[in-house]
């Protein structure tokens, strides 16, 4: 489990990206890069990090499911993810 502070920081960044998305788009279309510099750095979508919804783990993240590989495996073995089963041959 990731530290609560890291999960909270990421949520705060996500909120800030959503808040400034329209303004960033308008400034980029105008080509006003000096005004773009005045926007907070954390408003840039590049600074977001994909994190597991369950554990908050930043690595081994599967975009399609929104969870990390470890949580994915646990849920798949329990049968909590529809259409996924362990293969054997």
C-alpha atoms as a PDB file:
ATOM      1  CA  UNK A   1       0.000   0.000   0.000  1.00  0.00           C
ATOM      2  CA  UNK A   2       1.341   3.389  -0.976  1.00  0.00           C
ATOM      3  CA  UNK A   3       1.662   6.118   1.603  1.00  0.00           C
ATOM      4  CA  UNK A   4      -1.540   8.100   2.068  1.00  0.00           C
ATOM      5  CA  UNK A   5       0.321  11.358   1.423  1.00  0.00           C
ATOM      6  CA  UNK A   6       1.397  10.202  -2.058  1.00  0.00           C
ATOM      7  CA  UNK A   7      -2.126   9.140  -2.952  1.00  0.00           C
ATOM      8  CA  UNK A   8      -3.473  12.472  -1.693  1.00  0.00           C
ATOM      9  CA  UNK A   9      -0.845  14.412  -3.639  1.00  0.00           C
ATOM     10  CA  UNK A  10      -1.789  12.603  -6.828  1.00  0.00           C
ATOM     11  CA  UNK A  11      -5.497  13.330  -6.240  1.00  0.00           C
ATOM     12  CA  UNK A  12      -4.666  16.995  -5.707  1.00  0.00           C
ATOM     13  CA  UNK A  13      -2.737  17.079  -8.992  1.00  0.00           C
ATOM     14  CA  UNK A  14      -5.626  15.423 -10.833  1.00  0.00           C
ATOM     15  CA  UNK A  15      -8.011  18.039  -9.478  1.00  0.00           C
ATOM     16  CA  UNK A  16      -5.661  20.849 -10.546  1.00  0.00           C
ATOM     17  CA  UNK A  17      -5.240  19.403 -14.062  1.00  0.00           C
ATOM     18  CA  UNK A  18      -9.023  19.312 -14.472  1.00  0.00           C
ATOM     19  CA  UNK A  19      -9.359  22.869 -13.157  1.00  0.00           C
ATOM     20  CA  UNK A  20      -6.827  24.395 -15.573  1.00  0.00           C
ATOM     21  CA  UNK A  21      -7.441  22.174 -18.633  1.00  0.00           C
ATOM     22  CA  UNK A  22      -9.629  24.676 -20.501  1.00  0.00           C
ATOM     23  CA  UNK A  23      -7.353  27.647 -19.732  1.00  0.00           C
ATOM     24  CA  UNK A  24      -4.252  25.705 -20.839  1.00  0.00           C
ATOM     25  CA  UNK A  25      -5.944  24.749 -24.104  1.00  0.00           C
ATOM     26  CA  UNK A  26      -6.920  28.355 -24.857  1.00  0.00           C
ATOM     27  CA  UNK A  27      -3.459  29.723 -24.080  1.00  0.00           C
ATOM     28  CA  UNK A  28      -1.778  27.084 -26.246  1.00  0.00           C
ATOM     29  CA  UNK A  29      -4.080  27.875 -29.177  1.00  0.00           C
ATOM     30  CA  UNK A  30      -3.265  31.589 -28.853  1.00  0.00           C
ATOM     31  CA  UNK A  31       0.447  30.835 -28.518  1.00  0.00           C
ATOM     32  CA  UNK A  32       0.666  32.867 -25.313  1.00  0.00           C
ATOM     33  CA  UNK A  33       3.460  30.909 -23.664  1.00  0.00           C
ATOM     34  CA  UNK A  34       4.321  33.617 -21.133  1.00  0.00           C
ATOM     35  CA  UNK A  35       0.835  33.406 -19.625  1.00  0.00           C
ATOM     36  CA  UNK A  36       1.144  29.612 -19.738  1.00  0.00           C
ATOM     37  CA  UNK A  37       4.218  29.904 -17.513  1.00  0.00           C
ATOM     38  CA  UNK A  38       2.146  31.624 -14.813  1.00  0.00           C
ATOM     39  CA  UNK A  39      -0.105  28.576 -14.408  1.00  0.00           C
ATOM     40  CA  UNK A  40       0.995  26.187 -11.601  1.00  0.00           C
ATOM     41  CA  UNK A  41       3.371  23.412 -12.669  1.00  0.00           C
ATOM     42  CA  UNK A  42       1.097  20.722 -11.255  1.00  0.00           C
ATOM     43  CA  UNK A  43      -1.639  21.799 -13.675  1.00  0.00           C
ATOM     44  CA  UNK A  44       0.226  20.029 -16.462  1.00  0.00           C
ATOM     45  CA  UNK A  45      -1.219  16.585 -17.333  1.00  0.00           C
ATOM     46  CA  UNK A  46       2.316  15.291 -17.897  1.00  0.00           C
ATOM     47  CA  UNK A  47       2.926  15.374 -14.145  1.00  0.00           C
ATOM     48  CA  UNK A  48       0.151  12.877 -13.403  1.00  0.00           C
ATOM     49  CA  UNK A  49       1.174   9.349 -12.428  1.00  0.00           C
ATOM     50  CA  UNK A  50      -1.066   6.339 -12.971  1.00  0.00           C
ATOM     51  CA  UNK A  51      -1.795   4.650  -9.651  1.00  0.00           C
ATOM     52  CA  UNK A  52      -3.694   1.529  -8.685  1.00  0.00           C
ATOM     53  CA  UNK A  53      -7.214   2.341  -7.485  1.00  0.00           C
ATOM     54  CA  UNK A  54      -7.009  -0.293  -4.739  1.00  0.00           C
ATOM     55  CA  UNK A  55      -3.460  -0.136  -3.387  1.00  0.00           C
ATOM     56  CA  UNK A  56      -2.110   3.138  -4.791  1.00  0.00           C
ATOM     57  CA  UNK A  57       0.899   1.331  -6.275  1.00  0.00           C
ATOM     58  CA  UNK A  58       2.513   3.422  -9.061  1.00  0.00           C
ATOM     59  CA  UNK A  59       4.330   0.623 -10.878  1.00  0.00           C
ATOM     60  CA  UNK A  60       2.959  -2.383 -12.716  1.00  0.00           C
ATOM     61  CA  UNK A  61      -0.234  -0.493 -13.582  1.00  0.00           C
ATOM     62  CA  UNK A  62      -2.681  -1.958 -16.128  1.00  0.00           C
ATOM     63  CA  UNK A  63      -4.545   0.889 -17.808  1.00  0.00           C
ATOM     64  CA  UNK A  64      -7.350  -1.289 -19.081  1.00  0.00           C
ATOM     65  CA  UNK A  65      -8.323  -2.277 -15.533  1.00  0.00           C
ATOM     66  CA  UNK A  66      -6.970   0.675 -13.525  1.00  0.00           C
ATOM     67  CA  UNK A  67      -5.196  -1.573 -11.032  1.00  0.00           C
ATOM     68  CA  UNK A  68      -1.688  -2.875 -10.429  1.00  0.00           C
ATOM     69  CA  UNK A  69      -0.497  -6.307 -11.526  1.00  0.00           C
ATOM     70  CA  UNK A  70      -0.521  -7.617  -7.958  1.00  0.00           C
ATOM     71  CA  UNK A  71      -4.103  -6.590  -7.258  1.00  0.00           C
ATOM     72  CA  UNK A  72      -5.087  -7.814 -10.731  1.00  0.00           C
ATOM     73  CA  UNK A  73      -3.708 -11.273  -9.983  1.00  0.00           C
ATOM     74  CA  UNK A  74      -5.474 -11.497  -6.618  1.00  0.00           C
ATOM     75  CA  UNK A  75      -8.792 -10.384  -8.084  1.00  0.00           C
ATOM     76  CA  UNK A  76      -8.455 -12.694 -11.102  1.00  0.00           C
ATOM     77  CA  UNK A  77      -7.764 -15.716  -8.907  1.00  0.00           C
ATOM     78  CA  UNK A  78     -10.803 -14.910  -6.766  1.00  0.00           C
ATOM     79  CA  UNK A  79     -12.910 -14.565  -9.939  1.00  0.00           C
ATOM     80  CA  UNK A  80     -13.740 -10.907  -9.309  1.00  0.00           C
ATOM     81  CA  UNK A  81     -12.795  -9.782 -12.837  1.00  0.00           C
ATOM     82  CA  UNK A  82     -15.292 -11.022 -15.445  1.00  0.00           C
ATOM     83  CA  UNK A  83     -13.809 -12.881 -18.399  1.00  0.00           C
ATOM     84  CA  UNK A  84     -10.409 -13.422 -16.810  1.00  0.00           C
ATOM     85  CA  UNK A  85      -9.184 -16.837 -15.754  1.00  0.00           C
ATOM     86  CA  UNK A  86      -5.785 -18.379 -15.132  1.00  0.00           C
ATOM     87  CA  UNK A  87      -4.492 -20.191 -18.162  1.00  0.00           C
ATOM     88  CA  UNK A  88      -2.978 -23.647 -18.071  1.00  0.00           C
ATOM     89  CA  UNK A  89      -1.765 -25.905 -20.844  1.00  0.00           C
END
